Amino acid sequence: MDFEKIGRTRLMVRLPRHRQQLAKLRLLSLSTLLEACGIAVITRDELQGHTISGESLIAQYESNCQAIEDKVVRLLTNISARFVNWVPASSPVTFSAI
């Protein structure tokens, strides 16, 4: 499973204000948070599907999901809008003559 993709998709739905940043940014710190979010969400959903799971464990994963979401919002809020549209030096850039 691609937990980073799962976390990114979930947060794009939950955080529409940051959807563009989530779609474009490729930072190690963000990728780590998105992966953690994906793992926490999948685990929480699996626990909710089992009647044996304790409510306290499900509540702990809910809390983890919210804490990760809060960290992602703080990270995205502190990133400059110019950085979202930044093109890495290794990418081919073409310029047209004016």
PDB file of N, CA and C in Angstrom:
ATOM      1  N   MET A   1       0.826  -1.187   0.000  1.00  0.00           N
ATOM      2  CA  MET A   1       0.000   0.000   0.000  1.00  0.00           C
ATOM      3  C   MET A   1       0.867   1.246   0.000  1.00  0.00           C
ATOM      4  N   ASP A   2       0.427   2.233  -0.711  1.00  0.00           N
ATOM      5  CA  ASP A   2       1.128   3.513  -0.740  1.00  0.00           C
ATOM      6  C   ASP A   2       0.505   4.423   0.320  1.00  0.00           C
ATOM      7  N   PHE A   3       1.024   4.362   1.545  1.00  0.00           N
ATOM      8  CA  PHE A   3       0.450   5.112   2.651  1.00  0.00           C
ATOM      9  C   PHE A   3       0.562   6.616   2.451  1.00  0.00           C
ATOM     10  N   GLU A   4       1.640   7.059   1.795  1.00  0.00           N
ATOM     11  CA  GLU A   4       1.788   8.496   1.533  1.00  0.00           C
ATOM     12  C   GLU A   4       0.656   8.981   0.624  1.00  0.00           C
ATOM     13  N   LYS A   5       0.359   8.225  -0.407  1.00  0.00           N
ATOM     14  CA  LYS A   5      -0.715   8.599  -1.335  1.00  0.00           C
ATOM     15  C   LYS A   5      -2.069   8.594  -0.615  1.00  0.00           C
ATOM     16  N   ILE A   6      -2.289   7.603   0.240  1.00  0.00           N
ATOM     17  CA  ILE A   6      -3.535   7.526   1.010  1.00  0.00           C
ATOM     18  C   ILE A   6      -3.667   8.759   1.914  1.00  0.00           C
ATOM     19  N   GLY A   7      -2.589   9.101   2.610  1.00  0.00           N
ATOM     20  CA  GLY A   7      -2.603  10.272   3.486  1.00  0.00           C
ATOM     21  C   GLY A   7      -2.792  11.562   2.713  1.00  0.00           C
ATOM     22  N   ARG A   8      -2.114  11.683   1.571  1.00  0.00           N
ATOM     23  CA  ARG A   8      -2.230  12.891   0.742  1.00  0.00           C
ATOM     24  C   ARG A   8      -3.677  13.057   0.259  1.00  0.00           C
ATOM     25  N   THR A   9      -4.268  11.967  -0.223  1.00  0.00           N
ATOM     26  CA  THR A   9      -5.639  12.022  -0.743  1.00  0.00           C
ATOM     27  C   THR A   9      -6.620  12.390   0.365  1.00  0.00           C
ATOM     28  N   ARG A  10      -6.463  11.762   1.494  1.00  0.00           N
ATOM     29  CA  ARG A  10      -7.364  12.050   2.623  1.00  0.00           C
ATOM     30  C   ARG A  10      -7.277  13.512   3.037  1.00  0.00           C
ATOM     31  N   LEU A  11      -6.058  14.034   3.147  1.00  0.00           N
ATOM     32  CA  LEU A  11      -5.907  15.419   3.580  1.00  0.00           C
ATOM     33  C   LEU A  11      -6.321  16.411   2.495  1.00  0.00           C
ATOM     34  N   MET A  12      -6.224  16.040   1.239  1.00  0.00           N
ATOM     35  CA  MET A  12      -6.720  16.915   0.179  1.00  0.00           C
ATOM     36  C   MET A  12      -8.236  17.077   0.287  1.00  0.00           C
ATOM     37  N   VAL A  13      -8.913  16.037   0.732  1.00  0.00           N
ATOM     38  CA  VAL A  13     -10.359  16.109   0.940  1.00  0.00           C
ATOM     39  C   VAL A  13     -10.670  16.901   2.208  1.00  0.00           C
ATOM     40  N   ARG A  14      -9.935  16.633   3.272  1.00  0.00           N
ATOM     41  CA  ARG A  14     -10.214  17.276   4.560  1.00  0.00           C
ATOM     42  C   ARG A  14      -9.727  18.719   4.637  1.00  0.00           C
ATOM     43  N   LEU A  15      -8.742  19.078   3.814  1.00  0.00           N
ATOM     44  CA  LEU A  15      -8.160  20.425   3.863  1.00  0.00           C
ATOM     45  C   LEU A  15      -8.219  21.095   2.490  1.00  0.00           C
ATOM     46  N   PRO A  16      -9.397  21.442   2.020  1.00  0.00           N
ATOM     47  CA  PRO A  16      -9.503  22.006   0.663  1.00  0.00           C
ATOM     48  C   PRO A  16      -8.697  23.292   0.476  1.00  0.00           C
ATOM     49  N   ARG A  17      -8.496  24.037   1.538  1.00  0.00           N
ATOM     50  CA  ARG A  17      -7.720  25.277   1.448  1.00  0.00           C
ATOM     51  C   ARG A  17      -6.257  25.003   1.063  1.00  0.00           C
ATOM     52  N   HIS A  18      -5.760  23.832   1.424  1.00  0.00           N
ATOM     53  CA  HIS A  18      -4.365  23.478   1.165  1.00  0.00           C
ATOM     54  C   HIS A  18      -4.227  22.440   0.046  1.00  0.00           C
ATOM     55  N   ARG A  19      -5.284  22.220  -0.687  1.00  0.00           N
ATOM     56  CA  ARG A  19      -5.292  21.166  -1.711  1.00  0.00           C
ATOM     57  C   ARG A  19      -4.173  21.346  -2.741  1.00  0.00           C
ATOM     58  N   GLN A  20      -3.960  22.571  -3.223  1.00  0.00           N
ATOM     59  CA  GLN A  20      -2.911  22.807  -4.226  1.00  0.00           C
ATOM     60  C   GLN A  20      -1.529  22.499  -3.660  1.00  0.00           C
ATOM     61  N   GLN A  21      -1.273  22.936  -2.449  1.00  0.00           N
ATOM     62  CA  GLN A  21       0.018  22.655  -1.824  1.00  0.00           C
ATOM     63  C   GLN A  21       0.221  21.151  -1.652  1.00  0.00           C
ATOM     64  N   LEU A  22      -0.803  20.467  -1.176  1.00  0.00           N
ATOM     65  CA  LEU A  22      -0.694  19.020  -0.979  1.00  0.00           C
ATOM     66  C   LEU A  22      -0.451  18.297  -2.295  1.00  0.00           C
ATOM     67  N   ALA A  23      -1.029  18.785  -3.370  1.00  0.00           N
ATOM     68  CA  ALA A  23      -0.876  18.139  -4.667  1.00  0.00           C
ATOM     69  C   ALA A  23       0.519  18.365  -5.256  1.00  0.00           C
ATOM     70  N   LYS A  24       1.103  19.531  -5.006  1.00  0.00           N
ATOM     71  CA  LYS A  24       2.349  19.891  -5.685  1.00  0.00           C
ATOM     72  C   LYS A  24       3.623  19.696  -4.876  1.00  0.00           C
ATOM     73  N   LEU A  25       3.553  19.892  -3.566  1.00  0.00           N
ATOM     74  CA  LEU A  25       4.772  19.862  -2.764  1.00  0.00           C
ATOM     75  C   LEU A  25       5.331  18.462  -2.583  1.00  0.00           C
ATOM     76  N   ARG A  26       6.619  18.353  -2.723  1.00  0.00           N
ATOM     77  CA  ARG A  26       7.322  17.094  -2.479  1.00  0.00           C
ATOM     78  C   ARG A  26       8.481  17.382  -1.528  1.00  0.00           C
ATOM     79  N   LEU A  27       8.160  17.432  -0.247  1.00  0.00           N
ATOM     80  CA  LEU A  27       9.155  17.668   0.789  1.00  0.00           C
ATOM     81  C   LEU A  27       9.244  16.427   1.666  1.00  0.00           C
ATOM     82  N   LEU A  28      10.426  16.117   2.135  1.00  0.00           N
ATOM     83  CA  LEU A  28      10.605  14.944   2.984  1.00  0.00           C
ATOM     84  C   LEU A  28       9.751  15.038   4.247  1.00  0.00           C
ATOM     85  N   SER A  29       9.733  16.211   4.873  1.00  0.00           N
ATOM     86  CA  SER A  29       8.948  16.366   6.102  1.00  0.00           C
ATOM     87  C   SER A  29       7.457  16.173   5.835  1.00  0.00           C
ATOM     88  N   LEU A  30       6.962  16.688   4.714  1.00  0.00           N
ATOM     89  CA  LEU A  30       5.558  16.515   4.367  1.00  0.00           C
ATOM     90  C   LEU A  30       5.275  15.063   4.006  1.00  0.00           C
ATOM     91  N   SER A  31       6.157  14.443   3.241  1.00  0.00           N
ATOM     92  CA  SER A  31       5.970  13.041   2.859  1.00  0.00           C
ATOM     93  C   SER A  31       5.907  12.138   4.083  1.00  0.00           C
ATOM     94  N   THR A  32       6.739  12.419   5.070  1.00  0.00           N
ATOM     95  CA  THR A  32       6.744  11.628   6.303  1.00  0.00           C
ATOM     96  C   THR A  32       5.416  11.770   7.043  1.00  0.00           C
ATOM     97  N   LEU A  33       4.914  12.991   7.135  1.00  0.00           N
ATOM     98  CA  LEU A  33       3.624  13.221   7.790  1.00  0.00           C
ATOM     99  C   LEU A  33       2.485  12.565   7.019  1.00  0.00           C
ATOM    100  N   LEU A  34       2.521  12.647   5.699  1.00  0.00           N
ATOM    101  CA  LEU A  34       1.460  12.050   4.884  1.00  0.00           C
ATOM    102  C   LEU A  34       1.454  10.533   5.016  1.00  0.00           C
ATOM    103  N   GLU A  35       2.638   9.945   5.065  1.00  0.00           N
ATOM    104  CA  GLU A  35       2.727   8.495   5.248  1.00  0.00           C
ATOM    105  C   GLU A  35       2.180   8.094   6.621  1.00  0.00           C
ATOM    106  N   ALA A  36       2.550   8.848   7.650  1.00  0.00           N
ATOM    107  CA  ALA A  36       2.047   8.571   8.998  1.00  0.00           C
ATOM    108  C   ALA A  36       0.531   8.717   9.047  1.00  0.00           C
ATOM    109  N   CYS A  37       0.013   9.707   8.341  1.00  0.00           N
ATOM    110  CA  CYS A  37      -1.430   9.911   8.277  1.00  0.00           C
ATOM    111  C   CYS A  37      -2.110   8.712   7.618  1.00  0.00           C
ATOM    112  N   GLY A  38      -1.554   8.257   6.505  1.00  0.00           N
ATOM    113  CA  GLY A  38      -2.114   7.099   5.812  1.00  0.00           C
ATOM    114  C   GLY A  38      -2.133   5.856   6.679  1.00  0.00           C
ATOM    115  N   ILE A  39      -1.060   5.612   7.391  1.00  0.00           N
ATOM    116  CA  ILE A  39      -0.983   4.445   8.279  1.00  0.00           C
ATOM    117  C   ILE A  39      -2.004   4.568   9.407  1.00  0.00           C
ATOM    118  N   ALA A  40      -2.087   5.751  10.014  1.00  0.00           N
ATOM    119  CA  ALA A  40      -3.024   5.954  11.127  1.00  0.00           C
ATOM    120  C   ALA A  40      -4.476   5.798  10.671  1.00  0.00           C
ATOM    121  N   VAL A  41      -4.796   6.328   9.500  1.00  0.00           N
ATOM    122  CA  VAL A  41      -6.170   6.247   8.989  1.00  0.00           C
ATOM    123  C   VAL A  41      -6.553   4.798   8.680  1.00  0.00           C
ATOM    124  N   ILE A  42      -5.666   4.076   8.001  1.00  0.00           N
ATOM    125  CA  ILE A  42      -5.953   2.675   7.658  1.00  0.00           C
ATOM    126  C   ILE A  42      -6.103   1.841   8.936  1.00  0.00           C
ATOM    127  N   THR A  43      -5.207   2.043   9.890  1.00  0.00           N
ATOM    128  CA  THR A  43      -5.268   1.291  11.144  1.00  0.00           C
ATOM    129  C   THR A  43      -6.559   1.609  11.899  1.00  0.00           C
ATOM    130  N   ARG A  44      -6.895   2.892  11.984  1.00  0.00           N
ATOM    131  CA  ARG A  44      -8.130   3.290  12.664  1.00  0.00           C
ATOM    132  C   ARG A  44      -9.354   2.654  11.997  1.00  0.00           C
ATOM    133  N   ASP A  45      -9.398   2.710  10.669  1.00  0.00           N
ATOM    134  CA  ASP A  45     -10.532   2.136   9.941  1.00  0.00           C
ATOM    135  C   ASP A  45     -10.632   0.627  10.147  1.00  0.00           C
ATOM    136  N   GLU A  46      -9.495  -0.050  10.174  1.00  0.00           N
ATOM    137  CA  GLU A  46      -9.497  -1.495  10.409  1.00  0.00           C
ATOM    138  C   GLU A  46      -9.973  -1.816  11.826  1.00  0.00           C
ATOM    139  N   LEU A  47      -9.549  -1.006  12.798  1.00  0.00           N
ATOM    140  CA  LEU A  47      -9.984  -1.218  14.178  1.00  0.00           C
ATOM    141  C   LEU A  47     -11.489  -0.992  14.320  1.00  0.00           C
ATOM    142  N   GLN A  48     -12.008  -0.008  13.615  1.00  0.00           N
ATOM    143  CA  GLN A  48     -13.437   0.268  13.684  1.00  0.00           C
ATOM    144  C   GLN A  48     -14.254  -0.871  13.085  1.00  0.00           C
ATOM    145  N   GLY A  49     -13.669  -1.617  12.184  1.00  0.00           N
ATOM    146  CA  GLY A  49     -14.359  -2.731  11.556  1.00  0.00           C
ATOM    147  C   GLY A  49     -14.430  -3.974  12.425  1.00  0.00           C
ATOM    148  N   HIS A  50     -13.637  -4.017  13.485  1.00  0.00           N
ATOM    149  CA  HIS A  50     -13.626  -5.174  14.372  1.00  0.00           C
ATOM    150  C   HIS A  50     -14.389  -4.839  15.651  1.00  0.00           C
ATOM    151  N   THR A  51     -15.282  -5.711  16.028  1.00  0.00           N
ATOM    152  CA  THR A  51     -16.059  -5.471  17.245  1.00  0.00           C
ATOM    153  C   THR A  51     -15.239  -5.700  18.509  1.00  0.00           C
ATOM    154  N   ILE A  52     -14.133  -6.403  18.376  1.00  0.00           N
ATOM    155  CA  ILE A  52     -13.283  -6.713  19.532  1.00  0.00           C
ATOM    156  C   ILE A  52     -12.446  -5.497  19.943  1.00  0.00           C
ATOM    157  N   SER A  53     -12.146  -4.608  19.009  1.00  0.00           N
ATOM    158  CA  SER A  53     -11.277  -3.459  19.272  1.00  0.00           C
ATOM    159  C   SER A  53     -11.847  -2.582  20.378  1.00  0.00           C
ATOM    160  N   GLY A  54     -10.969  -2.121  21.229  1.00  0.00           N
ATOM    161  CA  GLY A  54     -11.391  -1.253  22.322  1.00  0.00           C
ATOM    162  C   GLY A  54     -11.621   0.168  21.840  1.00  0.00           C
ATOM    163  N   GLU A  55     -12.597   0.811  22.427  1.00  0.00           N
ATOM    164  CA  GLU A  55     -12.905   2.206  22.071  1.00  0.00           C
ATOM    165  C   GLU A  55     -11.731   3.129  22.381  1.00  0.00           C
ATOM    166  N   SER A  56     -10.987   2.812  23.433  1.00  0.00           N
ATOM    167  CA  SER A  56      -9.860   3.678  23.787  1.00  0.00           C
ATOM    168  C   SER A  56      -8.764   3.630  22.725  1.00  0.00           C
ATOM    169  N   LEU A  57      -8.569   2.465  22.113  1.00  0.00           N
ATOM    170  CA  LEU A  57      -7.565   2.347  21.055  1.00  0.00           C
ATOM    171  C   LEU A  57      -8.004   3.112  19.805  1.00  0.00           C
ATOM    172  N   ILE A  58      -9.278   3.008  19.474  1.00  0.00           N
ATOM    173  CA  ILE A  58      -9.814   3.751  18.328  1.00  0.00           C
ATOM    174  C   ILE A  58      -9.708   5.254  18.592  1.00  0.00           C
ATOM    175  N   ALA A  59     -10.030   5.672  19.816  1.00  0.00           N
ATOM    176  CA  ALA A  59      -9.926   7.085  20.185  1.00  0.00           C
ATOM    177  C   ALA A  59      -8.480   7.562  20.083  1.00  0.00           C
ATOM    178  N   GLN A  60      -7.520   6.703  20.443  1.00  0.00           N
ATOM    179  CA  GLN A  60      -6.107   7.063  20.342  1.00  0.00           C
ATOM    180  C   GLN A  60      -5.712   7.294  18.884  1.00  0.00           C
ATOM    181  N   TYR A  61      -6.178   6.437  17.979  1.00  0.00           N
ATOM    182  CA  TYR A  61      -5.871   6.624  16.558  1.00  0.00           C
ATOM    183  C   TYR A  61      -6.570   7.849  15.993  1.00  0.00           C
ATOM    184  N   GLU A  62      -7.780   8.142  16.474  1.00  0.00           N
ATOM    185  CA  GLU A  62      -8.463   9.386  16.076  1.00  0.00           C
ATOM    186  C   GLU A  62      -7.631  10.588  16.489  1.00  0.00           C
ATOM    187  N   SER A  63      -7.117  10.543  17.704  1.00  0.00           N
ATOM    188  CA  SER A  63      -6.275  11.616  18.214  1.00  0.00           C
ATOM    189  C   SER A  63      -4.992  11.743  17.398  1.00  0.00           C
ATOM    190  N   ASN A  64      -4.395  10.606  17.044  1.00  0.00           N
ATOM    191  CA  ASN A  64      -3.178  10.618  16.213  1.00  0.00           C
ATOM    192  C   ASN A  64      -3.457  11.241  14.851  1.00  0.00           C
ATOM    193  N   CYS A  65      -4.582  10.861  14.235  1.00  0.00           N
ATOM    194  CA  CYS A  65      -4.943  11.414  12.922  1.00  0.00           C
ATOM    195  C   CYS A  65      -5.092  12.930  13.006  1.00  0.00           C
ATOM    196  N   GLN A  66      -5.757  13.410  14.056  1.00  0.00           N
ATOM    197  CA  GLN A  66      -5.954  14.848  14.220  1.00  0.00           C
ATOM    198  C   GLN A  66      -4.631  15.567  14.471  1.00  0.00           C
ATOM    199  N   ALA A  67      -3.760  14.973  15.273  1.00  0.00           N
ATOM    200  CA  ALA A  67      -2.456  15.588  15.559  1.00  0.00           C
ATOM    201  C   ALA A  67      -1.612  15.689  14.291  1.00  0.00           C
ATOM    202  N   ILE A  68      -1.637  14.664  13.462  1.00  0.00           N
ATOM    203  CA  ILE A  68      -0.889  14.687  12.195  1.00  0.00           C
ATOM    204  C   ILE A  68      -1.463  15.756  11.282  1.00  0.00           C
ATOM    205  N   GLU A  69      -2.788  15.820  11.200  1.00  0.00           N
ATOM    206  CA  GLU A  69      -3.439  16.836  10.370  1.00  0.00           C
ATOM    207  C   GLU A  69      -3.044  18.240  10.828  1.00  0.00           C
ATOM    208  N   ASP A  70      -3.024  18.468  12.127  1.00  0.00           N
ATOM    209  CA  ASP A  70      -2.619  19.766  12.669  1.00  0.00           C
ATOM    210  C   ASP A  70      -1.185  20.106  12.290  1.00  0.00           C
ATOM    211  N   LYS A  71      -0.287  19.122  12.345  1.00  0.00           N
ATOM    212  CA  LYS A  71       1.114  19.355  11.971  1.00  0.00           C
ATOM    213  C   LYS A  71       1.240  19.686  10.494  1.00  0.00           C
ATOM    214  N   VAL A  72       0.465  19.009   9.658  1.00  0.00           N
ATOM    215  CA  VAL A  72       0.493  19.284   8.215  1.00  0.00           C
ATOM    216  C   VAL A  72       0.014  20.710   7.950  1.00  0.00           C
ATOM    217  N   VAL A  73      -1.056  21.121   8.616  1.00  0.00           N
ATOM    218  CA  VAL A  73      -1.565  22.488   8.433  1.00  0.00           C
ATOM    219  C   VAL A  73      -0.513  23.507   8.855  1.00  0.00           C
ATOM    220  N   ARG A  74       0.144  23.276   9.991  1.00  0.00           N
ATOM    221  CA  ARG A  74       1.204  24.202  10.436  1.00  0.00           C
ATOM    222  C   ARG A  74       2.332  24.271   9.411  1.00  0.00           C
ATOM    223  N   LEU A  75       2.739  23.114   8.886  1.00  0.00           N
ATOM    224  CA  LEU A  75       3.811  23.081   7.897  1.00  0.00           C
ATOM    225  C   LEU A  75       3.407  23.840   6.639  1.00  0.00           C
ATOM    226  N   LEU A  76       2.212  23.567   6.127  1.00  0.00           N
ATOM    227  CA  LEU A  76       1.760  24.200   4.889  1.00  0.00           C
ATOM    228  C   LEU A  76       1.510  25.692   5.063  1.00  0.00           C
ATOM    229  N   THR A  77       1.100  26.098   6.241  1.00  0.00           N
ATOM    230  CA  THR A  77       0.852  27.516   6.511  1.00  0.00           C
ATOM    231  C   THR A  77       2.157  28.307   6.509  1.00  0.00           C
ATOM    232  N   ASN A  78       3.239  27.657   6.875  1.00  0.00           N
ATOM    233  CA  ASN A  78       4.534  28.347   6.967  1.00  0.00           C
ATOM    234  C   ASN A  78       5.354  28.283   5.687  1.00  0.00           C
ATOM    235  N   ILE A  79       4.840  27.640   4.654  1.00  0.00           N
ATOM    236  CA  ILE A  79       5.564  27.555   3.387  1.00  0.00           C
ATOM    237  C   ILE A  79       5.102  28.676   2.468  1.00  0.00           C
ATOM    238  N   SER A  80       6.050  29.353   1.888  1.00  0.00           N
ATOM    239  CA  SER A  80       5.752  30.452   0.977  1.00  0.00           C
ATOM    240  C   SER A  80       5.019  29.940  -0.259  1.00  0.00           C
ATOM    241  N   ALA A  81       4.083  30.738  -0.765  1.00  0.00           N
ATOM    242  CA  ALA A  81       3.346  30.377  -1.979  1.00  0.00           C
ATOM    243  C   ALA A  81       4.295  30.248  -3.168  1.00  0.00           C
ATOM    244  N   ARG A  82       5.379  31.002  -3.174  1.00  0.00           N
ATOM    245  CA  ARG A  82       6.353  30.904  -4.263  1.00  0.00           C
ATOM    246  C   ARG A  82       6.995  29.529  -4.304  1.00  0.00           C
ATOM    247  N   PHE A  83       7.128  28.902  -3.142  1.00  0.00           N
ATOM    248  CA  PHE A  83       7.766  27.604  -3.073  1.00  0.00           C
ATOM    249  C   PHE A  83       6.916  26.522  -3.726  1.00  0.00           C
ATOM    250  N   VAL A  84       5.607  26.682  -3.687  1.00  0.00           N
ATOM    251  CA  VAL A  84       4.704  25.697  -4.287  1.00  0.00           C
ATOM    252  C   VAL A  84       4.911  25.630  -5.790  1.00  0.00           C
ATOM    253  N   ASN A  85       5.196  26.752  -6.416  1.00  0.00           N
ATOM    254  CA  ASN A  85       5.386  26.803  -7.862  1.00  0.00           C
ATOM    255  C   ASN A  85       6.845  26.707  -8.282  1.00  0.00           C
ATOM    256  N   TRP A  86       7.712  26.404  -7.347  1.00  0.00           N
ATOM    257  CA  TRP A  86       9.142  26.295  -7.607  1.00  0.00           C
ATOM    258  C   TRP A  86       9.438  25.115  -8.518  1.00  0.00           C
ATOM    259  N   VAL A  87      10.345  25.333  -9.479  1.00  0.00           N
ATOM    260  CA  VAL A  87      10.759  24.278 -10.395  1.00  0.00           C
ATOM    261  C   VAL A  87      12.174  23.870 -10.023  1.00  0.00           C
ATOM    262  N   PRO A  88      12.410  22.594  -9.701  1.00  0.00           N
ATOM    263  CA  PRO A  88      13.753  22.163  -9.333  1.00  0.00           C
ATOM    264  C   PRO A  88      14.743  22.357 -10.476  1.00  0.00           C
ATOM    265  N   ALA A  89      16.009  22.569 -10.116  1.00  0.00           N
ATOM    266  CA  ALA A  89      17.047  22.837 -11.117  1.00  0.00           C
ATOM    267  C   ALA A  89      17.214  21.692 -12.093  1.00  0.00           C
ATOM    268  N   SER A  90      16.906  20.468 -11.698  1.00  0.00           N
ATOM    269  CA  SER A  90      17.097  19.320 -12.567  1.00  0.00           C
ATOM    270  C   SER A  90      15.991  19.193 -13.615  1.00  0.00           C
ATOM    271  N   SER A  91      14.900  19.949 -13.441  1.00  0.00           N
ATOM    272  CA  SER A  91      13.797  19.879 -14.409  1.00  0.00           C
ATOM    273  C   SER A  91      14.131  20.722 -15.646  1.00  0.00           C
ATOM    274  N   PRO A  92      13.791  20.225 -16.796  1.00  0.00           N
ATOM    275  CA  PRO A  92      14.046  21.012 -17.998  1.00  0.00           C
ATOM    276  C   PRO A  92      13.110  22.217 -18.040  1.00  0.00           C
ATOM    277  N   VAL A  93      13.686  23.380 -18.253  1.00  0.00           N
ATOM    278  CA  VAL A  93      12.915  24.608 -18.350  1.00  0.00           C
ATOM    279  C   VAL A  93      13.184  25.198 -19.718  1.00  0.00           C
ATOM    280  N   THR A  94      12.140  25.553 -20.408  1.00  0.00           N
ATOM    281  CA  THR A  94      12.312  26.180 -21.720  1.00  0.00           C
ATOM    282  C   THR A  94      11.795  27.593 -21.663  1.00  0.00           C
ATOM    283  N   PHE A  95      12.474  28.452 -22.361  1.00  0.00           N
ATOM    284  CA  PHE A  95      12.080  29.854 -22.418  1.00  0.00           C
ATOM    285  C   PHE A  95      11.793  30.185 -23.867  1.00  0.00           C
ATOM    286  N   SER A  96      10.734  30.904 -24.076  1.00  0.00           N
ATOM    287  CA  SER A  96      10.433  31.340 -25.441  1.00  0.00           C
ATOM    288  C   SER A  96      10.913  32.760 -25.629  1.00  0.00           C
ATOM    289  N   ALA A  97      11.306  33.069 -26.819  1.00  0.00           N
ATOM    290  CA  ALA A  97      11.784  34.422 -27.117  1.00  0.00           C
ATOM    291  C   ALA A  97      10.599  35.365 -27.155  1.00  0.00           C
ATOM    292  N   ILE A  98      10.827  36.548 -26.621  1.00  0.00           N
ATOM    293  CA  ILE A  98       9.752  37.559 -26.589  1.00  0.00           C
ATOM    294  C   ILE A  98       9.763  38.344 -27.855  1.00  0.00           C
TER     295      ILE A  98
END
